[in-house]
Amino acid sequence: MQAALKSVKGVSKATVGKKVGIKADTVVTAAKSVKTTDLIKALKKKGYTATEKTKKKSV
């Protein structure tokens, strides 16, 4: 998974957390030019199921 993320131009660091079931939280450090859709496409190309997890804003 890390290799797939690091293959995206502009990604400097990718850390994959502990796998729980079929899910694993991942933190990616990248240039501002890197889009979330590019990361998801790279993961899907390698056979991973990927979705974006958004943080809820507290009021």
PDB file of N, CA and C in Angstrom:
ATOM      1  N   MET A   1       0.824  -1.181   0.000  1.00  0.00           N
ATOM      2  CA  MET A   1       0.000   0.000   0.000  1.00  0.00           C
ATOM      3  C   MET A   1       0.872   1.250   0.000  1.00  0.00           C
ATOM      4  N   GLN A   2       1.929   1.244   0.818  1.00  0.00           N
ATOM      5  CA  GLN A   2       2.824   2.399   0.867  1.00  0.00           C
ATOM      6  C   GLN A   2       3.479   2.638  -0.481  1.00  0.00           C
ATOM      7  N   ALA A   3       3.880   1.575  -1.149  1.00  0.00           N
ATOM      8  CA  ALA A   3       4.529   1.708  -2.455  1.00  0.00           C
ATOM      9  C   ALA A   3       3.581   2.343  -3.469  1.00  0.00           C
ATOM     10  N   ALA A   4       2.314   1.965  -3.427  1.00  0.00           N
ATOM     11  CA  ALA A   4       1.330   2.536  -4.348  1.00  0.00           C
ATOM     12  C   ALA A   4       1.164   4.029  -4.098  1.00  0.00           C
ATOM     13  N   LEU A   5       1.112   4.418  -2.833  1.00  0.00           N
ATOM     14  CA  LEU A   5       0.953   5.833  -2.502  1.00  0.00           C
ATOM     15  C   LEU A   5       2.198   6.639  -2.861  1.00  0.00           C
ATOM     16  N   LYS A   6       3.367   6.074  -2.587  1.00  0.00           N
ATOM     17  CA  LYS A   6       4.614   6.783  -2.878  1.00  0.00           C
ATOM     18  C   LYS A   6       4.886   6.892  -4.375  1.00  0.00           C
ATOM     19  N   SER A   7       4.185   6.095  -5.188  1.00  0.00           N
ATOM     20  CA  SER A   7       4.361   6.175  -6.637  1.00  0.00           C
ATOM     21  C   SER A   7       3.719   7.431  -7.222  1.00  0.00           C
ATOM     22  N   VAL A   8       2.855   8.093  -6.455  1.00  0.00           N
ATOM     23  CA  VAL A   8       2.213   9.325  -6.908  1.00  0.00           C
ATOM     24  C   VAL A   8       3.218  10.467  -6.778  1.00  0.00           C
ATOM     25  N   LYS A   9       3.398  11.210  -7.865  1.00  0.00           N
ATOM     26  CA  LYS A   9       4.352  12.317  -7.874  1.00  0.00           C
ATOM     27  C   LYS A   9       3.938  13.377  -6.853  1.00  0.00           C
ATOM     28  N   GLY A  10       4.855  13.744  -5.962  1.00  0.00           N
ATOM     29  CA  GLY A  10       4.582  14.754  -4.950  1.00  0.00           C
ATOM     30  C   GLY A  10       4.394  14.183  -3.554  1.00  0.00           C
ATOM     31  N   VAL A  11       4.251  12.868  -3.436  1.00  0.00           N
ATOM     32  CA  VAL A  11       4.093  12.229  -2.126  1.00  0.00           C
ATOM     33  C   VAL A  11       5.477  12.021  -1.523  1.00  0.00           C
ATOM     34  N   SER A  12       5.680  12.547  -0.311  1.00  0.00           N
ATOM     35  CA  SER A  12       6.982  12.405   0.337  1.00  0.00           C
ATOM     36  C   SER A  12       6.974  11.344   1.432  1.00  0.00           C
ATOM     37  N   LYS A  13       5.805  11.065   2.011  1.00  0.00           N
ATOM     38  CA  LYS A  13       5.730  10.090   3.098  1.00  0.00           C
ATOM     39  C   LYS A  13       4.336   9.470   3.131  1.00  0.00           C
ATOM     40  N   ALA A  14       4.288   8.173   3.373  1.00  0.00           N
ATOM     41  CA  ALA A  14       3.013   7.470   3.522  1.00  0.00           C
ATOM     42  C   ALA A  14       3.150   6.491   4.679  1.00  0.00           C
ATOM     43  N   THR A  15       2.260   6.605   5.662  1.00  0.00           N
ATOM     44  CA  THR A  15       2.280   5.730   6.827  1.00  0.00           C
ATOM     45  C   THR A  15       0.946   5.008   6.922  1.00  0.00           C
ATOM     46  N   VAL A  16       1.006   3.692   6.962  1.00  0.00           N
ATOM     47  CA  VAL A  16      -0.207   2.880   7.052  1.00  0.00           C
ATOM     48  C   VAL A  16      -0.336   2.369   8.476  1.00  0.00           C
ATOM     49  N   GLY A  17      -1.492   2.617   9.083  1.00  0.00           N
ATOM     50  CA  GLY A  17      -1.735   2.177  10.450  1.00  0.00           C
ATOM     51  C   GLY A  17      -2.098   0.707  10.521  1.00  0.00           C
ATOM     52  N   LYS A  18      -2.408   0.261  11.720  1.00  0.00           N
ATOM     53  CA  LYS A  18      -2.772  -1.134  11.962  1.00  0.00           C
ATOM     54  C   LYS A  18      -4.047  -1.485  11.203  1.00  0.00           C
ATOM     55  N   LYS A  19      -4.038  -2.647  10.578  1.00  0.00           N
ATOM     56  CA  LYS A  19      -5.199  -3.116   9.835  1.00  0.00           C
ATOM     57  C   LYS A  19      -6.235  -3.664  10.810  1.00  0.00           C
ATOM     58  N   VAL A  20      -7.479  -3.192  10.665  1.00  0.00           N
ATOM     59  CA  VAL A  20      -8.592  -3.661  11.488  1.00  0.00           C
ATOM     60  C   VAL A  20      -9.649  -4.188  10.527  1.00  0.00           C
ATOM     61  N   GLY A  21      -9.781  -5.501  10.473  1.00  0.00           N
ATOM     62  CA  GLY A  21     -10.697  -6.098   9.499  1.00  0.00           C
ATOM     63  C   GLY A  21     -10.147  -5.884   8.106  1.00  0.00           C
ATOM     64  N   ILE A  22     -10.903  -5.163   7.282  1.00  0.00           N
ATOM     65  CA  ILE A  22     -10.426  -4.861   5.930  1.00  0.00           C
ATOM     66  C   ILE A  22     -10.004  -3.398   5.797  1.00  0.00           C
ATOM     67  N   LYS A  23      -9.906  -2.689   6.916  1.00  0.00           N
ATOM     68  CA  LYS A  23      -9.597  -1.260   6.885  1.00  0.00           C
ATOM     69  C   LYS A  23      -8.274  -0.956   7.574  1.00  0.00           C
ATOM     70  N   ALA A  24      -7.625   0.100   7.098  1.00  0.00           N
ATOM     71  CA  ALA A  24      -6.412   0.605   7.738  1.00  0.00           C
ATOM     72  C   ALA A  24      -6.358   2.106   7.507  1.00  0.00           C
ATOM     73  N   ASP A  25      -6.161   2.867   8.572  1.00  0.00           N
ATOM     74  CA  ASP A  25      -6.017   4.307   8.434  1.00  0.00           C
ATOM     75  C   ASP A  25      -4.628   4.605   7.893  1.00  0.00           C
ATOM     76  N   THR A  26      -4.559   5.549   6.979  1.00  0.00           N
ATOM     77  CA  THR A  26      -3.300   5.900   6.338  1.00  0.00           C
ATOM     78  C   THR A  26      -3.108   7.403   6.395  1.00  0.00           C
ATOM     79  N   VAL A  27      -1.892   7.832   6.708  1.00  0.00           N
ATOM     80  CA  VAL A  27      -1.557   9.251   6.728  1.00  0.00           C
ATOM     81  C   VAL A  27      -0.538   9.487   5.624  1.00  0.00           C
ATOM     82  N   VAL A  28      -0.833  10.466   4.760  1.00  0.00           N
ATOM     83  CA  VAL A  28       0.042  10.762   3.628  1.00  0.00           C
ATOM     84  C   VAL A  28       0.514  12.207   3.726  1.00  0.00           C
ATOM     85  N   THR A  29       1.821  12.408   3.562  1.00  0.00           N
ATOM     86  CA  THR A  29       2.395  13.745   3.494  1.00  0.00           C
ATOM     87  C   THR A  29       2.750  13.996   2.036  1.00  0.00           C
ATOM     88  N   ALA A  30       2.189  15.076   1.478  1.00  0.00           N
ATOM     89  CA  ALA A  30       2.391  15.327   0.050  1.00  0.00           C
ATOM     90  C   ALA A  30       2.368  16.823  -0.245  1.00  0.00           C
ATOM     91  N   ALA A  31       2.834  17.158  -1.431  1.00  0.00           N
ATOM     92  CA  ALA A  31       2.795  18.540  -1.898  1.00  0.00           C
ATOM     93  C   ALA A  31       1.340  18.970  -2.083  1.00  0.00           C
ATOM     94  N   LYS A  32       1.114  20.275  -2.079  1.00  0.00           N
ATOM     95  CA  LYS A  32      -0.249  20.790  -2.235  1.00  0.00           C
ATOM     96  C   LYS A  32      -0.856  20.417  -3.580  1.00  0.00           C
ATOM     97  N   SER A  33      -0.016  20.137  -4.564  1.00  0.00           N
ATOM     98  CA  SER A  33      -0.506  19.806  -5.902  1.00  0.00           C
ATOM     99  C   SER A  33      -1.122  18.412  -5.985  1.00  0.00           C
ATOM    100  N   VAL A  34      -0.862  17.556  -4.993  1.00  0.00           N
ATOM    101  CA  VAL A  34      -1.389  16.187  -5.003  1.00  0.00           C
ATOM    102  C   VAL A  34      -2.854  16.209  -4.569  1.00  0.00           C
ATOM    103  N   LYS A  35      -3.691  15.565  -5.366  1.00  0.00           N
ATOM    104  CA  LYS A  35      -5.121  15.516  -5.070  1.00  0.00           C
ATOM    105  C   LYS A  35      -5.482  14.160  -4.479  1.00  0.00           C
ATOM    106  N   THR A  36      -6.498  14.150  -3.653  1.00  0.00           N
ATOM    107  CA  THR A  36      -6.965  12.914  -3.032  1.00  0.00           C
ATOM    108  C   THR A  36      -7.366  11.895  -4.091  1.00  0.00           C
ATOM    109  N   THR A  37      -7.980  12.361  -5.155  1.00  0.00           N
ATOM    110  CA  THR A  37      -8.405  11.441  -6.216  1.00  0.00           C
ATOM    111  C   THR A  37      -7.209  10.735  -6.857  1.00  0.00           C
ATOM    112  N   ASP A  38      -6.062  11.418  -6.953  1.00  0.00           N
ATOM    113  CA  ASP A  38      -4.855  10.788  -7.506  1.00  0.00           C
ATOM    114  C   ASP A  38      -4.388   9.645  -6.614  1.00  0.00           C
ATOM    115  N   LEU A  39      -4.461   9.852  -5.305  1.00  0.00           N
ATOM    116  CA  LEU A  39      -4.050   8.814  -4.355  1.00  0.00           C
ATOM    117  C   LEU A  39      -4.988   7.610  -4.430  1.00  0.00           C
ATOM    118  N   ILE A  40      -6.279   7.879  -4.501  1.00  0.00           N
ATOM    119  CA  ILE A  40      -7.268   6.803  -4.578  1.00  0.00           C
ATOM    120  C   ILE A  40      -7.095   6.014  -5.875  1.00  0.00           C
ATOM    121  N   LYS A  41      -6.844   6.708  -6.990  1.00  0.00           N
ATOM    122  CA  LYS A  41      -6.624   6.028  -8.270  1.00  0.00           C
ATOM    123  C   LYS A  41      -5.402   5.121  -8.199  1.00  0.00           C
ATOM    124  N   ALA A  42      -4.330   5.593  -7.563  1.00  0.00           N
ATOM    125  CA  ALA A  42      -3.106   4.791  -7.445  1.00  0.00           C
ATOM    126  C   ALA A  42      -3.363   3.529  -6.630  1.00  0.00           C
ATOM    127  N   LEU A  43      -4.141   3.648  -5.554  1.00  0.00           N
ATOM    128  CA  LEU A  43      -4.461   2.481  -4.733  1.00  0.00           C
ATOM    129  C   LEU A  43      -5.343   1.493  -5.487  1.00  0.00           C
ATOM    130  N   LYS A  44      -6.350   2.000  -6.176  1.00  0.00           N
ATOM    131  CA  LYS A  44      -7.256   1.121  -6.927  1.00  0.00           C
ATOM    132  C   LYS A  44      -6.516   0.406  -8.053  1.00  0.00           C
ATOM    133  N   LYS A  45      -5.529   1.078  -8.659  1.00  0.00           N
ATOM    134  CA  LYS A  45      -4.732   0.471  -9.728  1.00  0.00           C
ATOM    135  C   LYS A  45      -3.959  -0.747  -9.215  1.00  0.00           C
ATOM    136  N   LYS A  46      -3.570  -0.717  -7.936  1.00  0.00           N
ATOM    137  CA  LYS A  46      -2.837  -1.831  -7.327  1.00  0.00           C
ATOM    138  C   LYS A  46      -3.764  -2.861  -6.681  1.00  0.00           C
ATOM    139  N   GLY A  47      -5.095  -2.642  -6.787  1.00  0.00           N
ATOM    140  CA  GLY A  47      -6.047  -3.630  -6.291  1.00  0.00           C
ATOM    141  C   GLY A  47      -6.628  -3.346  -4.918  1.00  0.00           C
ATOM    142  N   TYR A  48      -6.335  -2.186  -4.356  1.00  0.00           N
ATOM    143  CA  TYR A  48      -6.881  -1.829  -3.042  1.00  0.00           C
ATOM    144  C   TYR A  48      -8.212  -1.112  -3.207  1.00  0.00           C
ATOM    145  N   THR A  49      -9.093  -1.288  -2.243  1.00  0.00           N
ATOM    146  CA  THR A  49     -10.324  -0.512  -2.185  1.00  0.00           C
ATOM    147  C   THR A  49     -10.004   0.721  -1.356  1.00  0.00           C
ATOM    148  N   ALA A  50     -10.321   1.884  -1.881  1.00  0.00           N
ATOM    149  CA  ALA A  50      -9.945   3.108  -1.179  1.00  0.00           C
ATOM    150  C   ALA A  50     -11.075   4.119  -1.192  1.00  0.00           C
ATOM    151  N   THR A  51     -11.271   4.784  -0.055  1.00  0.00           N
ATOM    152  CA  THR A  51     -12.223   5.883   0.053  1.00  0.00           C
ATOM    153  C   THR A  51     -11.588   6.971   0.900  1.00  0.00           C
ATOM    154  N   GLU A  52     -12.105   8.172   0.762  1.00  0.00           N
ATOM    155  CA  GLU A  52     -11.593   9.290   1.543  1.00  0.00           C
ATOM    156  C   GLU A  52     -12.340   9.367   2.870  1.00  0.00           C
ATOM    157  N   LYS A  53     -11.598   9.519   3.941  1.00  0.00           N
ATOM    158  CA  LYS A  53     -12.195   9.685   5.261  1.00  0.00           C
ATOM    159  C   LYS A  53     -12.057  11.156   5.622  1.00  0.00           C
ATOM    160  N   THR A  54     -13.179  11.809   5.869  1.00  0.00           N
ATOM    161  CA  THR A  54     -13.133  13.221   6.214  1.00  0.00           C
ATOM    162  C   THR A  54     -13.370  13.394   7.702  1.00  0.00           C
ATOM    163  N   LYS A  55     -12.720  14.379   8.250  1.00  0.00           N
ATOM    164  CA  LYS A  55     -12.905  14.671   9.670  1.00  0.00           C
ATOM    165  C   LYS A  55     -14.119  15.569   9.834  1.00  0.00           C
ATOM    166  N   LYS A  56     -14.921  15.275  10.845  1.00  0.00           N
ATOM    167  CA  LYS A  56     -16.075  16.109  11.134  1.00  0.00           C
ATOM    168  C   LYS A  56     -15.615  17.322  11.924  1.00  0.00           C
ATOM    169  N   LYS A  57     -16.132  18.482  11.540  1.00  0.00           N
ATOM    170  CA  LYS A  57     -15.783  19.709  12.251  1.00  0.00           C
ATOM    171  C   LYS A  57     -16.675  19.844  13.473  1.00  0.00           C
ATOM    172  N   SER A  58     -16.059  20.144  14.605  1.00  0.00           N
ATOM    173  CA  SER A  58     -16.847  20.350  15.820  1.00  0.00           C
ATOM    174  C   SER A  58     -17.315  21.796  15.866  1.00  0.00           C
ATOM    175  N   VAL A  59     -18.497  21.989  16.410  1.00  0.00           N
ATOM    176  CA  VAL A  59     -19.090  23.328  16.447  1.00  0.00           C
ATOM    177  C   VAL A  59     -18.737  24.029  17.723  1.00  0.00           C
TER     178      VAL A  59
END
